Protein backbone atom coordinates (compact mmCIF):
# COMPACT_ATOMS: atom_id res chain seq x y z
CA MET A 1 -6.53 46.60 17.61
CA LYS A 2 -5.16 43.75 16.23
CA SER A 3 -5.77 43.16 12.61
CA TYR A 4 -6.81 39.65 11.33
CA SER A 5 -5.89 40.59 7.42
CA HIS A 6 -5.09 36.85 7.03
CA PHE A 7 -8.28 35.57 8.39
CA ASP A 8 -10.12 35.55 5.24
CA ILE A 9 -11.84 33.06 2.42
CA THR A 10 -8.67 32.78 0.90
CA GLY A 11 -6.57 31.54 3.98
CA LEU A 12 -9.78 29.15 5.22
CA HIS A 13 -9.86 27.70 1.60
CA TYR A 14 -6.23 27.16 1.50
CA PHE A 15 -6.49 26.03 5.20
CA SER A 16 -9.33 23.40 4.12
CA VAL A 17 -7.52 21.77 1.39
CA VAL A 18 -4.51 21.13 3.47
CA ALA A 19 -6.62 19.75 6.16
CA GLU A 20 -8.34 17.20 3.71
CA GLU A 21 -5.16 16.34 1.64
CA ARG A 22 -3.23 16.10 4.99
CA SER A 23 -0.27 17.38 3.27
CA PHE A 24 1.17 20.66 1.66
CA SER A 25 2.28 19.16 -1.51
CA ARG A 26 -1.15 17.63 -2.19
CA ALA A 27 -2.74 20.66 -1.43
CA SER A 28 -0.42 22.69 -4.09
CA ALA A 29 -1.29 19.87 -6.62
CA ARG A 30 -4.84 20.24 -6.31
CA LEU A 31 -5.08 24.09 -5.79
CA ARG A 32 -2.12 24.77 -8.43
CA ILE A 33 -0.70 27.20 -6.29
CA ALA A 34 2.92 27.00 -5.34
CA GLN A 35 3.58 25.09 -1.93
CA PRO A 36 5.40 28.19 -0.51
CA ALA A 37 2.45 30.56 -0.95
CA ILE A 38 0.37 28.31 0.56
CA SER A 39 2.44 27.79 3.62
CA ARG A 40 2.98 31.54 3.98
CA LYS A 41 -0.80 31.88 3.99
CA ILE A 42 -1.19 29.15 6.48
CA LYS A 43 2.06 30.42 8.77
CA ALA A 44 0.15 33.90 8.84
CA LEU A 45 -3.23 32.45 9.74
CA GLU A 46 -1.76 30.73 12.56
CA GLN A 47 -0.15 33.88 13.76
CA ASP A 48 -3.27 35.98 13.40
CA LEU A 49 -5.08 33.23 15.54
CA GLY A 50 -2.35 32.67 18.00
CA VAL A 51 -2.50 28.76 17.68
CA GLN A 52 -1.09 25.92 15.57
CA LEU A 53 -3.45 24.59 13.16
CA PHE A 54 -1.26 21.55 12.00
CA THR A 55 1.36 19.27 13.47
CA ARG A 56 4.08 18.36 11.03
CA HIS A 57 5.55 15.14 10.31
CA THR A 58 7.88 12.95 7.61
CA ARG A 59 4.38 12.01 5.76
CA GLY A 60 2.43 15.16 5.84
CA VAL A 61 0.63 17.19 8.55
CA ASP A 62 -2.41 16.28 11.29
CA LEU A 63 -4.65 18.54 12.47
CA THR A 64 -4.53 19.85 15.98
CA GLU A 65 -7.55 20.40 18.30
CA PRO A 66 -8.08 23.86 17.35
CA GLY A 67 -7.40 22.98 13.75
CA GLU A 68 -10.03 20.46 14.04
CA SER A 69 -12.28 23.18 15.69
CA LEU A 70 -11.58 25.97 13.04
CA LEU A 71 -12.42 23.31 10.04
CA ARG A 72 -15.62 22.52 11.04
CA ASN A 73 -16.53 25.95 11.30
CA ALA A 74 -14.88 26.89 8.12
CA TYR A 75 -16.93 24.35 6.54
CA GLY A 76 -20.12 26.07 7.85
CA LEU A 77 -19.20 29.69 6.69
CA PHE A 78 -18.65 27.80 3.10
CA ARG A 79 -22.05 26.33 2.97
CA GLN A 80 -23.57 29.84 4.35
CA ILE A 81 -21.44 31.59 1.82
CA GLU A 82 -22.97 29.16 -0.95
CA ASN A 83 -26.60 29.47 0.16
CA LEU A 84 -26.32 33.48 -0.05
CA ARG A 85 -24.73 33.02 -3.34
CA ASP A 86 -27.81 30.55 -4.60
CA HIS A 87 -30.10 33.08 -3.28
CA ALA A 88 -28.94 35.99 -5.12
CA VAL A 89 -28.37 34.03 -8.39
CA THR A 90 -31.74 32.31 -8.62
CA SER A 91 -34.21 33.87 -10.41
CA GLY A 92 -37.18 33.47 -12.53
CA ASP A 93 -37.93 29.74 -12.94
CA THR A 94 -34.54 28.20 -13.61
CA PRO A 95 -33.75 25.84 -10.77
CA ARG A 96 -29.76 26.44 -10.07
CA GLY A 97 -27.08 26.23 -7.42
CA VAL A 98 -25.57 23.69 -4.84
CA VAL A 99 -27.66 21.30 -3.18
CA THR A 100 -26.13 19.34 -0.24
CA ILE A 101 -28.02 16.17 0.13
CA GLY A 102 -27.69 13.69 3.04
CA VAL A 103 -28.83 10.06 2.44
CA LEU A 104 -28.66 6.94 4.25
CA PRO A 105 -26.12 4.14 2.90
CA THR A 106 -28.69 1.46 1.13
CA PRO A 107 -31.33 4.00 0.03
CA GLY A 108 -28.66 6.31 -1.19
CA GLU A 109 -27.24 3.22 -3.54
CA TYR A 110 -30.90 3.31 -5.34
CA ILE A 111 -31.88 6.85 -5.52
CA ILE A 112 -28.63 9.27 -5.60
CA PRO A 113 -27.14 7.74 -8.95
CA ARG A 114 -31.02 8.02 -10.79
CA LEU A 115 -31.49 11.55 -8.87
CA VAL A 116 -28.11 12.65 -10.42
CA GLU A 117 -28.73 11.40 -14.36
CA GLN A 118 -32.27 12.88 -14.28
CA SER A 119 -31.23 16.40 -12.65
CA ARG A 120 -28.65 16.48 -15.14
CA LYS A 121 -31.02 16.10 -18.15
CA LEU A 122 -33.84 18.23 -16.38
CA TYR A 123 -31.90 20.94 -14.10
CA PRO A 124 -28.49 21.04 -15.51
CA GLU A 125 -27.52 24.32 -13.42
CA ILE A 126 -28.06 22.31 -10.19
CA LYS A 127 -24.88 21.13 -8.65
CA PHE A 128 -24.75 18.09 -5.64
CA ARG A 129 -22.87 17.82 -2.80
CA ILE A 130 -23.77 14.19 -1.25
CA VAL A 131 -23.14 13.50 2.35
CA GLU A 132 -23.66 9.79 3.48
CA GLY A 133 -24.62 9.24 7.41
CA TYR A 134 -26.98 7.99 9.87
CA SER A 135 -30.61 9.17 10.61
CA GLY A 136 -29.31 11.02 13.79
CA ASP A 137 -26.35 12.33 11.94
CA LEU A 138 -28.19 13.67 9.04
CA HIS A 139 -30.97 14.99 11.49
CA SER A 140 -28.40 16.91 13.19
CA MET A 141 -26.76 18.41 10.17
CA LEU A 142 -29.85 19.44 8.85
CA ILE A 143 -30.82 21.72 11.84
CA ASN A 144 -27.35 22.73 11.75
CA GLN A 145 -27.82 24.14 7.96
CA GLU A 146 -24.69 21.38 7.18
CA ILE A 147 -27.03 19.83 4.85
CA ASN A 148 -29.89 21.37 2.76
CA ILE A 149 -32.30 18.02 2.15
CA ALA A 150 -32.12 14.73 3.75
CA VAL A 151 -33.38 11.05 2.84
CA MET A 152 -33.70 9.53 6.30
CA HIS A 153 -35.69 7.41 8.51
CA ALA A 154 -38.26 8.32 11.09
CA PRO A 155 -36.80 11.96 11.45
CA MET A 156 -37.86 13.43 14.97
CA PRO A 157 -40.44 16.42 15.18
CA HIS A 158 -38.51 19.67 15.06
CA PRO A 159 -40.00 23.00 14.43
CA ASP A 160 -37.13 23.89 11.80
CA ILE A 161 -37.80 20.70 9.66
CA VAL A 162 -40.22 19.89 7.11
CA VAL A 163 -41.04 16.20 6.53
CA HIS A 164 -42.59 14.26 3.70
CA ASP A 165 -42.90 10.61 3.98
CA LEU A 166 -41.74 8.36 1.01
CA LEU A 167 -42.64 5.00 2.40
CA ILE A 168 -43.17 2.94 5.51
CA ASP A 169 -40.38 0.43 6.03
CA TYR A 170 -40.36 -2.15 8.49
CA LEU A 171 -38.07 -3.41 10.92
CA CYS A 172 -37.00 -7.12 10.12
CA LEU A 173 -34.11 -9.69 11.20
CA VAL A 174 -31.54 -10.26 8.97
CA GLY A 175 -29.18 -13.07 8.83
CA ARG A 176 -26.80 -14.80 6.31
CA ALA A 177 -28.49 -16.84 3.78
CA GLY A 178 -29.69 -20.27 5.03
CA THR A 179 -30.02 -19.43 8.51
CA LEU A 180 -33.82 -18.07 8.53
CA ASN A 181 -36.53 -20.58 8.01
CA LYS A 182 -39.50 -18.33 8.64
CA PRO A 183 -41.19 -15.45 6.85
CA ALA A 184 -41.70 -13.75 10.36
CA TYR A 185 -40.50 -13.84 13.83
CA SER A 186 -42.12 -12.45 16.80
CA PHE A 187 -39.48 -9.68 18.60
CA ASP A 188 -39.30 -12.06 21.69
CA GLU A 189 -38.04 -14.62 18.93
CA ALA A 190 -35.96 -12.26 17.29
CA ALA A 191 -34.15 -10.89 20.61
CA ALA A 192 -33.10 -14.31 21.26
CA PHE A 193 -30.77 -14.68 18.00
CA SER A 194 -27.24 -13.79 18.56
CA LEU A 195 -27.42 -10.12 17.47
CA ILE A 196 -24.99 -7.67 16.00
CA LEU A 197 -26.40 -4.01 16.99
CA PRO A 198 -25.02 -0.33 17.02
CA GLU A 199 -24.66 1.60 20.19
CA GLY A 200 -26.76 4.51 21.29
CA PRO A 201 -27.99 7.11 20.33
CA ASN A 202 -28.69 5.22 16.78
CA LEU A 203 -32.34 5.87 16.49
CA LEU A 204 -33.41 2.60 15.38
CA ARG A 205 -31.08 1.00 18.24
CA LEU A 206 -32.90 3.29 20.34
CA ARG A 207 -36.44 2.41 19.23
CA ILE A 208 -35.21 -1.45 19.62
CA ASP A 209 -34.34 -0.83 23.02
CA GLN A 210 -37.60 0.83 24.02
CA ILE A 211 -39.61 -2.28 22.72
CA ALA A 212 -37.29 -4.68 24.71
CA GLN A 213 -37.58 -2.53 27.94
CA GLU A 214 -41.64 -2.38 27.30
CA ARG A 215 -42.01 -6.44 26.67
CA ASN A 216 -39.06 -6.63 29.70
CA ILE A 217 -37.35 -8.73 27.14
CA ARG A 218 -33.20 -8.99 27.14
CA LEU A 219 -31.73 -8.65 24.04
CA ASN A 220 -29.13 -11.19 23.04
CA VAL A 221 -26.64 -8.70 22.01
CA ASN A 222 -22.99 -10.29 21.33
CA LEU A 223 -21.42 -7.43 19.24
CA LEU A 224 -21.56 -4.02 19.02
CA CYS A 225 -21.02 -2.38 15.62
CA ASN A 226 -21.60 1.19 14.81
CA GLY A 227 -20.53 0.53 11.00
CA PHE A 228 -23.54 -0.60 9.15
CA TRP A 229 -20.85 -2.39 6.06
CA LEU A 230 -18.95 -4.00 8.64
CA THR A 231 -22.07 -5.60 10.54
CA LYS A 232 -22.79 -6.84 6.62
CA ALA A 233 -19.96 -8.12 6.51
CA MET A 234 -20.04 -10.03 9.79
CA ILE A 235 -23.41 -11.22 8.67
CA ARG A 236 -22.23 -12.71 5.53
CA ASN A 237 -19.40 -14.51 7.83
CA GLY A 238 -22.34 -16.25 10.04
CA LEU A 239 -21.07 -13.99 13.09
CA GLY A 240 -24.57 -12.90 13.84
CA HIS A 241 -27.74 -11.43 12.99
CA THR A 242 -29.52 -8.05 13.18
CA MET A 243 -32.51 -5.85 13.22
CA VAL A 244 -32.69 -3.43 10.43
CA THR A 245 -35.26 -2.05 8.12
CA PHE A 246 -36.07 -4.48 4.86
CA GLY A 247 -35.04 -1.24 2.81
CA SER A 248 -31.16 -1.30 4.22
CA VAL A 249 -30.49 -4.89 3.04
CA VAL A 250 -32.86 -5.10 -0.09
CA THR A 251 -29.38 -4.88 -2.19
CA ASP A 252 -27.95 -7.88 -0.48
CA LEU A 253 -31.13 -9.97 -0.40
CA GLU A 254 -31.18 -9.64 -4.25
CA LYS A 255 -27.53 -10.65 -4.42
CA GLY A 256 -28.57 -14.09 -2.18
CA ASP A 257 -26.41 -13.04 0.67
CA PHE A 258 -29.14 -12.62 3.04
CA ASP A 259 -32.07 -14.16 4.62
CA VAL A 260 -34.73 -11.46 5.80
CA ALA A 261 -37.93 -11.97 8.03
CA LEU A 262 -40.28 -9.42 9.08
CA ILE A 263 -40.64 -8.68 12.91
CA LYS A 264 -44.15 -9.40 13.91
CA ASP A 265 -45.51 -8.83 17.58
CA PRO A 266 -45.43 -6.00 17.61
CA ASP A 267 -45.00 -4.60 13.97
CA VAL A 268 -42.12 -1.89 13.78
CA PRO A 269 -43.18 0.59 11.09
CA TRP A 270 -40.25 2.77 9.99
CA PRO A 271 -41.15 5.50 7.73
CA LEU A 272 -38.19 6.74 5.03
CA ALA A 273 -38.88 10.43 4.56
CA VAL A 274 -37.29 13.44 2.48
CA ALA A 275 -36.56 16.28 4.89
CA MET A 276 -35.66 20.09 4.68
CA ARG A 277 -35.55 23.14 6.60
CA ALA A 278 -38.71 24.89 6.95
CA ASP A 279 -36.93 28.11 6.33
CA GLN A 280 -35.87 26.63 2.58
CA HIS A 281 -38.60 24.32 1.71
CA ARG A 282 -39.74 27.03 -0.97
CA ARG A 283 -36.26 27.20 -2.66
CA LEU A 284 -36.64 26.42 -6.11
CA SER A 285 -33.81 23.93 -6.38
CA LEU A 286 -34.74 22.01 -3.01
CA ILE A 287 -38.84 21.87 -4.46
CA VAL A 288 -37.69 20.24 -7.75
CA VAL A 289 -34.89 18.02 -5.97
CA LYS A 290 -37.34 16.85 -3.57
CA GLY A 291 -39.78 16.14 -6.50
CA LEU A 292 -37.14 14.05 -8.13
CA ILE A 293 -36.44 12.09 -5.15
CA GLU A 294 -40.17 11.10 -4.77
CA THR A 295 -40.49 10.02 -8.46
CA ILE A 296 -37.79 7.91 -8.00
CA VAL A 297 -38.94 5.78 -4.73
CA ALA A 298 -42.35 5.66 -6.78
CA GLU A 299 -40.88 4.00 -9.52
CA LEU A 300 -38.42 1.79 -7.48
CA ARG A 301 -41.85 0.82 -5.54
CA SER A 302 -43.65 0.28 -9.13
CA ASN A 303 -40.96 -1.80 -10.82
CA HIS A 304 -40.71 -4.14 -7.44
CA ILE A 305 -37.28 -3.06 -6.96
CA TRP A 306 -38.13 -1.29 -3.55
CA LYS A 307 -40.87 -3.36 -1.65
CA GLN A 308 -43.02 -2.57 1.46
CA MET A 309 -43.50 -5.57 3.59
CA PRO A 310 -46.63 -5.04 5.64
CA ASP A 311 -47.52 -8.83 5.92
CA ALA A 312 -44.85 -10.91 4.99
CA ALA A 313 -41.15 -10.89 4.38
CA ARG A 314 -39.02 -12.08 1.79
CA ILE A 315 -36.83 -15.30 2.21
CA ASN A 316 -33.96 -16.39 0.04
CA GLY A 317 -35.15 -13.61 -2.75
CA GLU A 318 -38.88 -15.54 -3.15
CA SER A 319 -41.68 -13.08 -2.48
C-alpha cells in the first residue's frame, strides 16, 4: 500500500501559499522558510499524488487543473480544522475563534468596518476572515461550510440555513446624475431604459426576468456585466441604467454620482438578511457577531444613513 507521508497539513499549507503568491520565492518570504525546503515539499506532494500541481514559467507558477481542485479542497479542510479548534477552545462565556463572514459589496462598506471596530473592543478573542460576493455565491458558500455567516439579499429557503431579516430593501432604477426626472417609475417604464444587467444565475436578475415574463415585457438589455463595480463605472459614464436595490448604491447617491428612482407597479421588496448554518447558530462567537450586525444596521437606519424606501425614492440626494 502506497504511503502518503507528504500529504499532510504542512504540505497543504505550503502548497496553498505558493498557489496564492503564484511564486515560490514570494511564498518563501511569506512563510519565512527557505525556498528549497518549500520546493522539496511540493515536489514530494506531487509525487505522492501522481499529478503536477503547478506549471513553472519565468514569472512564477500557475496552478494546473489538479492543482486548482486541490486548492479548493484544501481551503475546505483548513476551515474544518479551524471549526474543530474553535469548538475545542470555546469555554465559559468568552466568544473566541475565527469567524468567516460573507458579505455583499455595498452593505459590506457600511457594516464590516463598524463590526471589526466594535468586536475588537467587546470581543478581542474573535478574529475575522471577510469574503465579498453576491447573494447566490454567498448562499452556496454557506451551505458548503465555506463561510460561517452571511449578509445577503433574499436568501432562498434551505433546511440547513437559519435566516434573520435585517431590513426590507426595494428594487430601484439607477442612472447617472441628471438622467432620471421622477421619484418612481413603473416596472414597464424602467424596462424600456437602456439597461446594464448581470447574467443569470444572479438572484436579482432572475427576479427581474420573472417579473418581465409575468408582465410580457421585453427588457431593453444593451450590456451584460457580472461585475457590480464595473456596472457602476459604466453608469457614471452614461452608458446605461441598471436595476438594483437602493442599499446597493447608497454610497454613490450620497456622493451625487447617481439618480435613484423606486420601481413600482409592482413594488419589488428585497430583504437584506443575516444567515448562518442551523448546526452552528448556537455557537457563541456567531451569536455575538450576529447581534453586532443587527445593532449596526439598526444604528445606520436610525441615523438615516441607510434608508428603506417603501413609498418614495431619493433623487439627486433629496429625500
